[in-house]
Amino acid sequence: MASKALQAVVDGMVQGVGFRYATIRQARALGLTGFVRNLDDGRVEVLAEGEEAVLERLAAWLRHGPPGAHVREVESRYLPCRGIYRDFSVRY
């Protein structure tokens, strides 16, 4: 299967609850590369690359996030994989 990229923006109570670091653990456990970052408007952006079936597992996890988070909405889309990420990390 060809690799793809998942770009997702998560809205809700997702900052200050460990969402980024839980996303890193989840993405790394799935073998994905990319990044997660807080946005100035209180949302969290995720860009992950990998096999589509694995990206779907991450997308499902993003819909609820870690304990303490309250996800209201996830906007997501698939993009072509650029293959430029070596690991999955926080971007500031």
C-alpha atoms as a PDB file:
ATOM      1  CA  MET A   1       0.000   0.000   0.000  1.00  0.00           C
ATOM      2  CA  ALA A   2       1.118   3.532  -0.717  1.00  0.00           C
ATOM      3  CA  SER A   3       1.753   5.938   2.088  1.00  0.00           C
ATOM      4  CA  LYS A   4      -0.465   8.957   2.597  1.00  0.00           C
ATOM      5  CA  ALA A   5      -0.604  11.946   4.895  1.00  0.00           C
ATOM      6  CA  LEU A   6      -3.413  12.778   7.290  1.00  0.00           C
ATOM      7  CA  GLN A   7      -3.893  16.420   8.220  1.00  0.00           C
ATOM      8  CA  ALA A   8      -6.275  16.900  11.125  1.00  0.00           C
ATOM      9  CA  VAL A   9      -7.333  19.886  13.207  1.00  0.00           C
ATOM     10  CA  VAL A  10      -8.852  18.947  16.557  1.00  0.00           C
ATOM     11  CA  ASP A  11     -11.235  21.362  18.277  1.00  0.00           C
ATOM     12  CA  GLY A  12     -12.463  21.275  21.876  1.00  0.00           C
ATOM     13  CA  MET A  13     -10.681  21.221  25.212  1.00  0.00           C
ATOM     14  CA  VAL A  14      -7.451  19.932  23.720  1.00  0.00           C
ATOM     15  CA  GLN A  15      -4.783  22.315  25.045  1.00  0.00           C
ATOM     16  CA  GLY A  16      -3.417  22.018  28.566  1.00  0.00           C
ATOM     17  CA  VAL A  17      -4.573  18.399  28.927  1.00  0.00           C
ATOM     18  CA  GLY A  18      -1.545  16.537  27.518  1.00  0.00           C
ATOM     19  CA  PHE A  19      -3.106  16.113  24.082  1.00  0.00           C
ATOM     20  CA  ARG A  20       0.103  16.715  22.113  1.00  0.00           C
ATOM     21  CA  TYR A  21       2.201  14.279  24.128  1.00  0.00           C
ATOM     22  CA  ALA A  22      -0.498  11.609  24.098  1.00  0.00           C
ATOM     23  CA  THR A  23      -0.723  12.074  20.316  1.00  0.00           C
ATOM     24  CA  ILE A  24       3.032  11.574  20.036  1.00  0.00           C
ATOM     25  CA  ARG A  25       2.831   8.318  22.026  1.00  0.00           C
ATOM     26  CA  GLN A  26      -0.080   7.089  19.904  1.00  0.00           C
ATOM     27  CA  ALA A  27       1.522   8.030  16.575  1.00  0.00           C
ATOM     28  CA  ARG A  28       4.888   6.522  17.479  1.00  0.00           C
ATOM     29  CA  ALA A  29       3.219   3.308  18.677  1.00  0.00           C
ATOM     30  CA  LEU A  30       1.544   3.115  15.262  1.00  0.00           C
ATOM     31  CA  GLY A  31       4.856   3.730  13.451  1.00  0.00           C
ATOM     32  CA  LEU A  32       3.784   7.066  11.957  1.00  0.00           C
ATOM     33  CA  THR A  33       5.910  10.126  11.245  1.00  0.00           C
ATOM     34  CA  GLY A  34       4.948  13.793  11.297  1.00  0.00           C
ATOM     35  CA  PHE A  35       4.093  16.371  13.940  1.00  0.00           C
ATOM     36  CA  VAL A  36       1.521  17.770  16.337  1.00  0.00           C
ATOM     37  CA  ARG A  37       1.235  21.407  17.411  1.00  0.00           C
ATOM     38  CA  ASN A  38      -0.993  23.796  19.298  1.00  0.00           C
ATOM     39  CA  LEU A  39      -2.672  26.480  17.234  1.00  0.00           C
ATOM     40  CA  ASP A  40      -3.168  30.022  18.491  1.00  0.00           C
ATOM     41  CA  ASP A  41      -6.969  29.609  18.435  1.00  0.00           C
ATOM     42  CA  GLY A  42      -6.950  26.751  20.993  1.00  0.00           C
ATOM     43  CA  ARG A  43      -7.101  23.879  18.509  1.00  0.00           C
ATOM     44  CA  VAL A  44      -4.443  21.233  17.855  1.00  0.00           C
ATOM     45  CA  GLU A  45      -3.091  20.385  14.396  1.00  0.00           C
ATOM     46  CA  VAL A  46      -1.784  16.923  13.506  1.00  0.00           C
ATOM     47  CA  LEU A  47       0.041  15.932  10.343  1.00  0.00           C
ATOM     48  CA  ALA A  48       0.892  12.240  10.172  1.00  0.00           C
ATOM     49  CA  GLU A  49       2.321  10.102   7.387  1.00  0.00           C
ATOM     50  CA  GLY A  50       2.034   6.357   6.931  1.00  0.00           C
ATOM     51  CA  GLU A  51      -0.180   3.634   5.535  1.00  0.00           C
ATOM     52  CA  GLU A  52      -3.817   4.664   5.137  1.00  0.00           C
ATOM     53  CA  ALA A  53      -5.179   1.916   7.388  1.00  0.00           C
ATOM     54  CA  VAL A  54      -2.831   3.003  10.180  1.00  0.00           C
ATOM     55  CA  LEU A  55      -3.712   6.669   9.654  1.00  0.00           C
ATOM     56  CA  GLU A  56      -7.367   5.712  10.063  1.00  0.00           C
ATOM     57  CA  ARG A  57      -6.522   4.244  13.472  1.00  0.00           C
ATOM     58  CA  LEU A  58      -4.911   7.525  14.502  1.00  0.00           C
ATOM     59  CA  ALA A  59      -7.904   9.475  13.155  1.00  0.00           C
ATOM     60  CA  ALA A  60     -10.243   7.332  15.269  1.00  0.00           C
ATOM     61  CA  TRP A  61      -8.108   7.977  18.358  1.00  0.00           C
ATOM     62  CA  LEU A  62      -8.100  11.742  17.683  1.00  0.00           C
ATOM     63  CA  ARG A  63     -11.899  11.791  17.903  1.00  0.00           C
ATOM     64  CA  HIS A  64     -11.660  11.173  21.661  1.00  0.00           C
ATOM     65  CA  GLY A  65      -8.011  11.885  22.584  1.00  0.00           C
ATOM     66  CA  PRO A  66      -6.463  11.208  25.972  1.00  0.00           C
ATOM     67  CA  PRO A  67      -8.256  11.269  29.347  1.00  0.00           C
ATOM     68  CA  GLY A  68      -8.978  14.876  30.297  1.00  0.00           C
ATOM     69  CA  ALA A  69      -9.519  16.032  26.724  1.00  0.00           C
ATOM     70  CA  HIS A  70     -12.935  16.871  25.345  1.00  0.00           C
ATOM     71  CA  VAL A  71     -12.938  16.663  21.554  1.00  0.00           C
ATOM     72  CA  ARG A  72     -15.764  18.599  19.962  1.00  0.00           C
ATOM     73  CA  GLU A  73     -14.808  18.204  16.297  1.00  0.00           C
ATOM     74  CA  VAL A  74     -12.043  16.857  14.075  1.00  0.00           C
ATOM     75  CA  GLU A  75     -11.585  18.266  10.586  1.00  0.00           C
ATOM     76  CA  SER A  76      -9.378  15.957   8.556  1.00  0.00           C
ATOM     77  CA  ARG A  77      -8.244  15.289   5.022  1.00  0.00           C
ATOM     78  CA  TYR A  78      -5.812  13.018   3.255  1.00  0.00           C
ATOM     79  CA  LEU A  79      -2.912  14.462   1.303  1.00  0.00           C
ATOM     80  CA  PRO A  80      -0.063  13.000  -0.726  1.00  0.00           C
ATOM     81  CA  CYS A  81       2.787  11.727   1.424  1.00  0.00           C
ATOM     82  CA  ARG A  82       5.849  13.967   1.205  1.00  0.00           C
ATOM     83  CA  GLY A  83       8.146  11.601   3.109  1.00  0.00           C
ATOM     84  CA  ILE A  84      10.082  14.401   4.801  1.00  0.00           C
ATOM     85  CA  TYR A  85       9.578  13.449   8.467  1.00  0.00           C
ATOM     86  CA  ARG A  86      11.997  11.170  10.304  1.00  0.00           C
ATOM     87  CA  ASP A  87       9.885  10.687  13.432  1.00  0.00           C
ATOM     88  CA  PHE A  88       6.771  12.064  15.123  1.00  0.00           C
ATOM     89  CA  SER A  89       7.333  15.141  17.304  1.00  0.00           C
ATOM     90  CA  VAL A  90       5.955  18.376  18.702  1.00  0.00           C
ATOM     91  CA  ARG A  91       6.285  21.407  16.518  1.00  0.00           C
ATOM     92  CA  TYR A  92       6.278  24.827  18.146  1.00  0.00           C
END
